C-alpha atoms as a PDB file:
ATOM      1  CA  UNK A   1     102.759  91.948 149.532  1.00  0.00           C
ATOM      2  CA  UNK A   2     101.165  88.503 149.543  1.00  0.00           C
ATOM      3  CA  UNK A   3     101.078  86.223 146.515  1.00  0.00           C
ATOM      4  CA  UNK A   4      97.342  86.864 146.033  1.00  0.00           C
ATOM      5  CA  UNK A   5      97.906  90.614 146.162  1.00  0.00           C
ATOM      6  CA  UNK A   6     100.732  90.375 143.628  1.00  0.00           C
ATOM      7  CA  UNK A   7      98.490  88.317 141.348  1.00  0.00           C
ATOM      8  CA  UNK A   8      95.667  90.871 141.584  1.00  0.00           C
ATOM      9  CA  UNK A   9      98.105  93.726 140.975  1.00  0.00           C
ATOM     10  CA  UNK A  10      99.509  91.973 137.904  1.00  0.00           C
ATOM     11  CA  UNK A  11      95.979  91.313 136.664  1.00  0.00           C
ATOM     12  CA  UNK A  12      95.052  94.981 137.066  1.00  0.00           C
ATOM     13  CA  UNK A  13      98.207  96.048 135.214  1.00  0.00           C
ATOM     14  CA  UNK A  14      97.340  93.701 132.325  1.00  0.00           C
ATOM     15  CA  UNK A  15      93.836  95.159 132.116  1.00  0.00           C
ATOM     16  CA  UNK A  16      95.212  98.707 132.160  1.00  0.00           C
ATOM     17  CA  UNK A  17      97.744  97.768 129.468  1.00  0.00           C
ATOM     18  CA  UNK A  18      95.033  96.259 127.242  1.00  0.00           C
ATOM     19  CA  UNK A  19      92.801  99.294 127.674  1.00  0.00           C
ATOM     20  CA  UNK A  20      95.721 101.601 126.885  1.00  0.00           C
ATOM     21  CA  UNK A  21      96.507  99.615 123.734  1.00  0.00           C
ATOM     22  CA  UNK A  22      92.853  99.674 122.688  1.00  0.00           C
ATOM     23  CA  UNK A  23      92.713 103.438 123.216  1.00  0.00           C
ATOM     24  CA  UNK A  24      95.828 103.962 121.090  1.00  0.00           C
ATOM     25  CA  UNK A  25      94.420 101.846 118.265  1.00  0.00           C
ATOM     26  CA  UNK A  26      91.115 103.734 118.370  1.00  0.00           C
ATOM     27  CA  UNK A  27      93.033 107.017 118.258  1.00  0.00           C
ATOM     28  CA  UNK A  28      94.952 105.864 115.167  1.00  0.00           C
ATOM     29  CA  UNK A  29      91.683 104.835 113.525  1.00  0.00           C
ATOM     30  CA  UNK A  30      90.070 108.178 114.405  1.00  0.00           C
ATOM     31  CA  UNK A  31      93.015 110.094 112.928  1.00  0.00           C
ATOM     32  CA  UNK A  32      92.783 108.156 109.659  1.00  0.00           C
ATOM     33  CA  UNK A  33      89.005 108.721 109.615  1.00  0.00           C
ATOM     34  CA  UNK A  34      89.488 112.479 110.011  1.00  0.00           C
ATOM     35  CA  UNK A  35      92.193 112.529 107.316  1.00  0.00           C
ATOM     36  CA  UNK A  36      89.957 110.637 104.873  1.00  0.00           C
ATOM     37  CA  UNK A  37      87.028 112.874 105.798  1.00  0.00           C
ATOM     38  CA  UNK A  38      89.122 115.920 104.846  1.00  0.00           C
ATOM     39  CA  UNK A  39      90.115 114.272 101.552  1.00  0.00           C
ATOM     40  CA  UNK A  40      86.473 113.467 100.842  1.00  0.00           C
ATOM     41  CA  UNK A  41      85.500 117.038 101.720  1.00  0.00           C
ATOM     42  CA  UNK A  42      88.063 118.403  99.251  1.00  0.00           C
ATOM     43  CA  UNK A  43      86.899 116.120  96.430  1.00  0.00           C
ATOM     44  CA  UNK A  44      83.154 116.356  97.061  1.00  0.00           C
ATOM     45  CA  UNK A  45      82.378 117.786  93.628  1.00  0.00           C
ATOM     46  CA  UNK A  46      83.706 114.865  91.525  1.00  0.00           C
ATOM     47  CA  UNK A  47      82.137 112.422  93.999  1.00  0.00           C
ATOM     48  CA  UNK A  48      78.786 114.170  93.711  1.00  0.00           C
ATOM     49  CA  UNK A  49      78.970 114.262  89.909  1.00  0.00           C
ATOM     50  CA  UNK A  50      79.736 110.542  89.935  1.00  0.00           C
ATOM     51  CA  UNK A  51      76.349 109.935  91.567  1.00  0.00           C
ATOM     52  CA  UNK A  52      74.577 112.552  89.475  1.00  0.00           C
ATOM     53  CA  UNK A  53      75.809 111.056  86.165  1.00  0.00           C
ATOM     54  CA  UNK A  54      73.592 108.021  86.756  1.00  0.00           C
ATOM     55  CA  UNK A  55      70.482 110.204  87.070  1.00  0.00           C
ATOM     56  CA  UNK A  56      68.337 111.681  84.337  1.00  0.00           C
ATOM     57  CA  UNK A  57      67.134 114.459  86.629  1.00  0.00           C
ATOM     58  CA  UNK A  58      68.749 117.235  88.643  1.00  0.00           C
ATOM     59  CA  UNK A  59      68.810 117.154  92.421  1.00  0.00           C
ATOM     60  CA  UNK A  60      67.594 120.249  94.234  1.00  0.00           C
ATOM     61  CA  UNK A  61      68.454 121.889  97.539  1.00  0.00           C
ATOM     62  CA  UNK A  62      65.867 123.901  99.476  1.00  0.00           C
ATOM     63  CA  UNK A  63      68.034 125.757 101.992  1.00  0.00           C
ATOM     64  CA  UNK A  64      71.337 127.614 102.285  1.00  0.00           C
ATOM     65  CA  UNK A  65      72.814 125.025 104.654  1.00  0.00           C
ATOM     66  CA  UNK A  66      71.885 122.066 102.439  1.00  0.00           C
ATOM     67  CA  UNK A  67      75.133 122.430 100.503  1.00  0.00           C
ATOM     68  CA  UNK A  68      77.095 121.967 103.719  1.00  0.00           C
ATOM     69  CA  UNK A  69      75.046 118.863 104.444  1.00  0.00           C
ATOM     70  CA  UNK A  70      75.946 117.477 100.987  1.00  0.00           C
ATOM     71  CA  UNK A  71      79.640 117.977 101.746  1.00  0.00           C
ATOM     72  CA  UNK A  72      79.361 116.342 105.172  1.00  0.00           C
ATOM     73  CA  UNK A  73      77.354 113.378 103.863  1.00  0.00           C
ATOM     74  CA  UNK A  74      79.672 112.530 100.979  1.00  0.00           C
ATOM     75  CA  UNK A  75      82.875 113.181 102.934  1.00  0.00           C
ATOM     76  CA  UNK A  76      81.563 110.944 105.718  1.00  0.00           C
ATOM     77  CA  UNK A  77      80.799 108.195 103.204  1.00  0.00           C
ATOM     78  CA  UNK A  78      84.376 108.331 101.867  1.00  0.00           C
ATOM     79  CA  UNK A  79      85.801 108.278 105.400  1.00  0.00           C
ATOM     80  CA  UNK A  80      83.704 105.295 106.510  1.00  0.00           C
ATOM     81  CA  UNK A  81      84.568 103.195 103.450  1.00  0.00           C
ATOM     82  CA  UNK A  82      88.259 104.070 103.630  1.00  0.00           C
ATOM     83  CA  UNK A  83      88.552 103.505 107.385  1.00  0.00           C
ATOM     84  CA  UNK A  84      86.835 100.102 107.408  1.00  0.00           C
ATOM     85  CA  UNK A  85      89.898  97.989 106.442  1.00  0.00           C
ATOM     86  CA  UNK A  86      92.086  99.889 108.905  1.00  0.00           C
ATOM     87  CA  UNK A  87      89.543  99.351 111.685  1.00  0.00           C
ATOM     88  CA  UNK A  88      89.498  95.618 110.928  1.00  0.00           C
ATOM     89  CA  UNK A  89      93.314  95.571 110.972  1.00  0.00           C
ATOM     90  CA  UNK A  90      93.435  97.376 114.307  1.00  0.00           C
ATOM     91  CA  UNK A  91      90.969  94.896 115.819  1.00  0.00           C
ATOM     92  CA  UNK A  92      93.057  92.009 114.482  1.00  0.00           C
ATOM     93  CA  UNK A  93      96.286  93.485 115.888  1.00  0.00           C
ATOM     94  CA  UNK A  94      94.559  93.926 119.257  1.00  0.00           C
ATOM     95  CA  UNK A  95      93.473  90.271 119.512  1.00  0.00           C
ATOM     96  CA  UNK A  96      96.582  88.894 117.751  1.00  0.00           C
ATOM     97  CA  UNK A  97      98.576  88.179 120.968  1.00  0.00           C
ATOM     98  CA  UNK A  98      95.843  85.804 122.138  1.00  0.00           C
ATOM     99  CA  UNK A  99      95.867  83.764 118.919  1.00  0.00           C
ATOM    100  CA  UNK A 100      98.071  80.882 117.834  1.00  0.00           C
ATOM    101  CA  UNK A 101     100.240  81.196 114.714  1.00  0.00           C
ATOM    102  CA  UNK A 102      97.744  79.244 112.617  1.00  0.00           C
ATOM    103  CA  UNK A 103      94.831  81.286 113.989  1.00  0.00           C
ATOM    104  CA  UNK A 104      96.680  84.506 113.178  1.00  0.00           C
ATOM    105  CA  UNK A 105      97.186  83.455 109.549  1.00  0.00           C
ATOM    106  CA  UNK A 106      93.604  82.249 109.193  1.00  0.00           C
ATOM    107  CA  UNK A 107      92.030  85.325 110.797  1.00  0.00           C
ATOM    108  CA  UNK A 108      94.174  87.741 108.766  1.00  0.00           C
ATOM    109  CA  UNK A 109      92.264  86.669 105.650  1.00  0.00           C
ATOM    110  CA  UNK A 110      89.083  88.121 107.181  1.00  0.00           C
ATOM    111  CA  UNK A 111      90.373  91.710 106.863  1.00  0.00           C
ATOM    112  CA  UNK A 112      90.418  92.057 103.045  1.00  0.00           C
ATOM    113  CA  UNK A 113      87.343  89.802 102.827  1.00  0.00           C
ATOM    114  CA  UNK A 114      85.314  92.135 105.071  1.00  0.00           C
ATOM    115  CA  UNK A 115      86.296  95.144 102.955  1.00  0.00           C
ATOM    116  CA  UNK A 116      85.703  93.439  99.592  1.00  0.00           C
ATOM    117  CA  UNK A 117      82.285  92.113 100.624  1.00  0.00           C
ATOM    118  CA  UNK A 118      81.288  95.509 102.045  1.00  0.00           C
ATOM    119  CA  UNK A 119      82.223  97.245  98.781  1.00  0.00           C
ATOM    120  CA  UNK A 120      80.486  94.469  96.822  1.00  0.00           C
ATOM    121  CA  UNK A 121      77.311  95.039  98.821  1.00  0.00           C
ATOM    122  CA  UNK A 122      77.484  98.791  98.235  1.00  0.00           C
ATOM    123  CA  UNK A 123      77.966  98.328  94.488  1.00  0.00           C
ATOM    124  CA  UNK A 124      75.184  95.752  94.202  1.00  0.00           C
ATOM    125  CA  UNK A 125      72.764  97.862  96.233  1.00  0.00           C
ATOM    126  CA  UNK A 126      73.627 100.949  94.199  1.00  0.00           C
ATOM    127  CA  UNK A 127      73.019  99.148  90.897  1.00  0.00           C
ATOM    128  CA  UNK A 128      69.672  97.855  92.159  1.00  0.00           C
ATOM    129  CA  UNK A 129      68.779 101.384  93.231  1.00  0.00           C
ATOM    130  CA  UNK A 130      69.815 103.138  90.009  1.00  0.00           C
ATOM    131  CA  UNK A 131      68.821 100.541  87.433  1.00  0.00           C
ATOM    132  CA  UNK A 132      65.584  99.212  88.940  1.00  0.00           C
ATOM    133  CA  UNK A 133      64.179 101.170  91.858  1.00  0.00           C
ATOM    134  CA  UNK A 134      64.486 104.704  90.462  1.00  0.00           C
ATOM    135  CA  UNK A 135      62.923 103.808  87.065  1.00  0.00           C
ATOM    136  CA  UNK A 136      60.109 102.004  88.896  1.00  0.00           C
ATOM    137  CA  UNK A 137      59.381 104.974  91.151  1.00  0.00           C
ATOM    138  CA  UNK A 138      59.510 107.434  88.235  1.00  0.00           C
ATOM    139  CA  UNK A 139      57.099 105.289  86.237  1.00  0.00           C
ATOM    140  CA  UNK A 140      54.467 105.651  88.969  1.00  0.00           C
ATOM    141  CA  UNK A 141      54.126 109.388  88.347  1.00  0.00           C
ATOM    142  CA  UNK A 142      53.254 109.123  84.633  1.00  0.00           C
ATOM    143  CA  UNK A 143      52.919 112.901  84.291  1.00  0.00           C
ATOM    144  CA  UNK A 144      50.448 113.349  87.154  1.00  0.00           C
ATOM    145  CA  UNK A 145      52.652 115.630  89.251  1.00  0.00           C
ATOM    146  CA  UNK A 146      55.460 118.124  88.897  1.00  0.00           C
ATOM    147  CA  UNK A 147      58.668 116.448  90.018  1.00  0.00           C
ATOM    148  CA  UNK A 148      61.141 118.069  92.414  1.00  0.00           C
ATOM    149  CA  UNK A 149      63.887 115.802  93.717  1.00  0.00           C
ATOM    150  CA  UNK A 150      65.740 117.120  96.747  1.00  0.00           C
ATOM    151  CA  UNK A 151      69.204 115.841  97.540  1.00  0.00           C
ATOM    152  CA  UNK A 152      68.384 114.950 101.173  1.00  0.00           C
ATOM    153  CA  UNK A 153      65.472 112.666 100.320  1.00  0.00           C
ATOM    154  CA  UNK A 154      67.420 111.123  97.462  1.00  0.00           C
ATOM    155  CA  UNK A 155      70.420 110.216  99.605  1.00  0.00           C
ATOM    156  CA  UNK A 156      68.251 109.083 102.513  1.00  0.00           C
ATOM    157  CA  UNK A 157      66.490 106.648 100.174  1.00  0.00           C
ATOM    158  CA  UNK A 158      69.815 105.642  98.612  1.00  0.00           C
ATOM    159  CA  UNK A 159      71.431 104.834 101.971  1.00  0.00           C
ATOM    160  CA  UNK A 160      68.295 103.104 103.222  1.00  0.00           C
ATOM    161  CA  UNK A 161      68.615 100.630 100.352  1.00  0.00           C
ATOM    162  CA  UNK A 162      72.387 100.399  99.835  1.00  0.00           C
ATOM    163  CA  UNK A 163      73.640 100.145 103.434  1.00  0.00           C
ATOM    164  CA  UNK A 164      71.556  97.029 104.297  1.00  0.00           C
ATOM    165  CA  UNK A 165      73.024  95.265 101.249  1.00  0.00           C
ATOM    166  CA  UNK A 166      76.546  96.196 102.357  1.00  0.00           C
ATOM    167  CA  UNK A 167      75.827  94.823 105.847  1.00  0.00           C
ATOM    168  CA  UNK A 168      74.189  91.604 104.640  1.00  0.00           C
ATOM    169  CA  UNK A 169      77.058  90.938 102.239  1.00  0.00           C
ATOM    170  CA  UNK A 170      79.167  90.421 105.394  1.00  0.00           C
ATOM    171  CA  UNK A 171      77.033  87.394 106.289  1.00  0.00           C
ATOM    172  CA  UNK A 172      79.539  84.747 105.047  1.00  0.00           C
ATOM    173  CA  UNK A 173      82.369  86.279 107.086  1.00  0.00           C
ATOM    174  CA  UNK A 174      80.231  86.553 110.224  1.00  0.00           C
ATOM    175  CA  UNK A 175      79.061  82.943 109.851  1.00  0.00           C
ATOM    176  CA  UNK A 176      82.629  81.690 109.322  1.00  0.00           C
ATOM    177  CA  UNK A 177      83.832  83.577 112.394  1.00  0.00           C
ATOM    178  CA  UNK A 178      80.994  82.315 114.603  1.00  0.00           C
ATOM    179  CA  UNK A 179      81.589  78.783 113.336  1.00  0.00           C
ATOM    180  CA  UNK A 180      85.271  79.021 114.245  1.00  0.00           C
ATOM    181  CA  UNK A 181      84.196  80.048 117.769  1.00  0.00           C
ATOM    182  CA  UNK A 182      81.831  77.080 117.996  1.00  0.00           C
ATOM    183  CA  UNK A 183      78.718  79.272 118.229  1.00  0.00           C
ATOM    184  CA  UNK A 184      77.298  78.161 114.869  1.00  0.00           C
ATOM    185  CA  UNK A 185      77.424  74.882 112.976  1.00  0.00           C
ATOM    186  CA  UNK A 186      76.487  74.094 109.362  1.00  0.00           C
ATOM    187  CA  UNK A 187      73.895  71.631 110.656  1.00  0.00           C
ATOM    188  CA  UNK A 188      72.163  74.401 112.619  1.00  0.00           C
ATOM    189  CA  UNK A 189      72.201  76.700 109.574  1.00  0.00           C
ATOM    190  CA  UNK A 190      70.650  73.998 107.401  1.00  0.00           C
ATOM    191  CA  UNK A 191      68.034  73.218 110.040  1.00  0.00           C
ATOM    192  CA  UNK A 192      67.013  76.879 110.314  1.00  0.00           C
ATOM    193  CA  UNK A 193      67.283  77.541 106.567  1.00  0.00           C
ATOM    194  CA  UNK A 194      63.560  78.224 106.080  1.00  0.00           C
ATOM    195  CA  UNK A 195      63.556  80.766 108.920  1.00  0.00           C
ATOM    196  CA  UNK A 196      66.662  82.394 107.463  1.00  0.00           C
ATOM    197  CA  UNK A 197      64.977  82.626 104.071  1.00  0.00           C
ATOM    198  CA  UNK A 198      61.905  84.193 105.649  1.00  0.00           C
ATOM    199  CA  UNK A 199      63.983  86.848 107.431  1.00  0.00           C
ATOM    200  CA  UNK A 200      65.911  87.682 104.261  1.00  0.00           C
ATOM    201  CA  UNK A 201      62.716  87.979 102.206  1.00  0.00           C
ATOM    202  CA  UNK A 202      61.232  90.299 104.840  1.00  0.00           C
ATOM    203  CA  UNK A 203      64.395  92.426 104.784  1.00  0.00           C
ATOM    204  CA  UNK A 204      64.285  92.579 100.972  1.00  0.00           C
ATOM    205  CA  UNK A 205      60.638  93.667 101.140  1.00  0.00           C
ATOM    206  CA  UNK A 206      61.464  96.366 103.697  1.00  0.00           C
ATOM    207  CA  UNK A 207      64.294  97.978 101.727  1.00  0.00           C
ATOM    208  CA  UNK A 208      62.639  97.926  98.299  1.00  0.00           C
ATOM    209  CA  UNK A 209      59.404  99.464  96.958  1.00  0.00           C
ATOM    210  CA  UNK A 210      56.232  97.322  97.053  1.00  0.00           C
ATOM    211  CA  UNK A 211      56.874  95.571  93.754  1.00  0.00           C
ATOM    212  CA  UNK A 212      57.196  91.773  93.623  1.00  0.00           C
ATOM    213  CA  UNK A 213      59.899  91.761  90.927  1.00  0.00           C
ATOM    214  CA  UNK A 214      62.086  94.262  92.796  1.00  0.00           C
ATOM    215  CA  UNK A 215      61.672  92.356  96.052  1.00  0.00           C
ATOM    216  CA  UNK A 216      62.561  89.113  94.296  1.00  0.00           C
ATOM    217  CA  UNK A 217      65.660  90.680  92.711  1.00  0.00           C
ATOM    218  CA  UNK A 218      66.757  91.895  96.138  1.00  0.00           C
ATOM    219  CA  UNK A 219      65.930  88.643  97.971  1.00  0.00           C
ATOM    220  CA  UNK A 220      67.650  86.168  95.604  1.00  0.00           C
ATOM    221  CA  UNK A 221      71.215  87.477  96.205  1.00  0.00           C
ATOM    222  CA  UNK A 222      70.622  87.489  99.966  1.00  0.00           C
ATOM    223  CA  UNK A 223      69.433  83.880  99.833  1.00  0.00           C
ATOM    224  CA  UNK A 224      72.489  82.955  97.749  1.00  0.00           C
ATOM    225  CA  UNK A 225      74.665  84.596 100.398  1.00  0.00           C
ATOM    226  CA  UNK A 226      72.971  82.429 103.022  1.00  0.00           C
ATOM    227  CA  UNK A 227      73.738  79.282 101.018  1.00  0.00           C
ATOM    228  CA  UNK A 228      77.343  80.405 100.510  1.00  0.00           C
ATOM    229  CA  UNK A 229      77.550  80.992 104.255  1.00  0.00           C
ATOM    230  CA  UNK A 230      76.419  77.413 104.920  1.00  0.00           C
ATOM    231  CA  UNK A 231      79.067  76.085 102.517  1.00  0.00           C
ATOM    232  CA  UNK A 232      81.852  78.175 104.078  1.00  0.00           C
ATOM    233  CA  UNK A 233      80.659  77.247 107.553  1.00  0.00           C
ATOM    234  CA  UNK A 234      81.008  73.586 106.569  1.00  0.00           C
ATOM    235  CA  UNK A 235      84.624  74.159 105.481  1.00  0.00           C
ATOM    236  CA  UNK A 236      85.514  75.914 108.743  1.00  0.00           C
ATOM    237  CA  UNK A 237      83.689  73.282 110.801  1.00  0.00           C
ATOM    238  CA  UNK A 238      85.490  70.373 109.094  1.00  0.00           C
ATOM    239  CA  UNK A 239      88.869  72.008 109.625  1.00  0.00           C
ATOM    240  CA  UNK A 240      88.001  72.591 113.252  1.00  0.00           C
ATOM    241  CA  UNK A 241      86.999  68.933 113.735  1.00  0.00           C
ATOM    242  CA  UNK A 242      90.189  67.793 111.997  1.00  0.00           C
ATOM    243  CA  UNK A 243      92.356  69.872 114.319  1.00  0.00           C
ATOM    244  CA  UNK A 244      90.435  68.566 117.311  1.00  0.00           C
ATOM    245  CA  UNK A 245      90.947  64.941 116.228  1.00  0.00           C
ATOM    246  CA  UNK A 246      94.657  65.528 115.628  1.00  0.00           C
ATOM    247  CA  UNK A 247      94.986  67.107 119.054  1.00  0.00           C
ATOM    248  CA  UNK A 248      93.154  64.210 120.733  1.00  0.00           C
ATOM    249  CA  UNK A 249      95.245  61.634 118.898  1.00  0.00           C
ATOM    250  CA  UNK A 250      98.449  63.419 119.873  1.00  0.00           C
ATOM    251  CA  UNK A 251      97.295  63.713 123.478  1.00  0.00           C
ATOM    252  CA  UNK A 252      96.362  59.990 123.696  1.00  0.00           C
ATOM    253  CA  UNK A 253      99.663  58.984 122.083  1.00  0.00           C
ATOM    254  CA  UNK A 254     101.608  60.935 124.679  1.00  0.00           C
END
């Protein structure tokens, strides 16, 4: 076997090894997801009553299979939230061999941060939904119609509003990560600030009812997240420049 052939064979073995490792980590994540799904399925009733306690009306089902759908929806929600930190950890363990010691320590902080921000977004979106959006929508009826609130429409509306907040609360982490890769810079974020604001306002308008106050309440936190992202991007960028200067100085000294 020639040297080129040995190199290609070794390269193929490395690829196969990486794919095998990735498969094993995905299997572990899937097992945990299923286990948490079962736990959520068992404890659906207290989870459901937790949501129902914040309502001044009773949710209704219109079919025999709707109860099963309630169980699947709430159990899936528990499984997704519980699996998120493990998924982040598995991704970090997969890329860990390619990172330096300092990069490993720095990137490890992202795992709890991703989970905390995701939960923070869920909580914030839920409070906006329960405390502002539902009272606003109920006030529009003003006794004109008989009200029948089905669980499926309620949870569809809930997830439509809450999930985008949970995703957008990850903005600082995403910006920090892209800055560390050199894809984003704080200067670029400042330069495109007005376009970022416009996008966030449009998103806030899309996920909330057509009421200016509600849209403003939803948009302000997203804009604050953008500003926090710029600040954190600046910290990451300065550290990156410092390391680069130290490396260049060391290289020129040698």
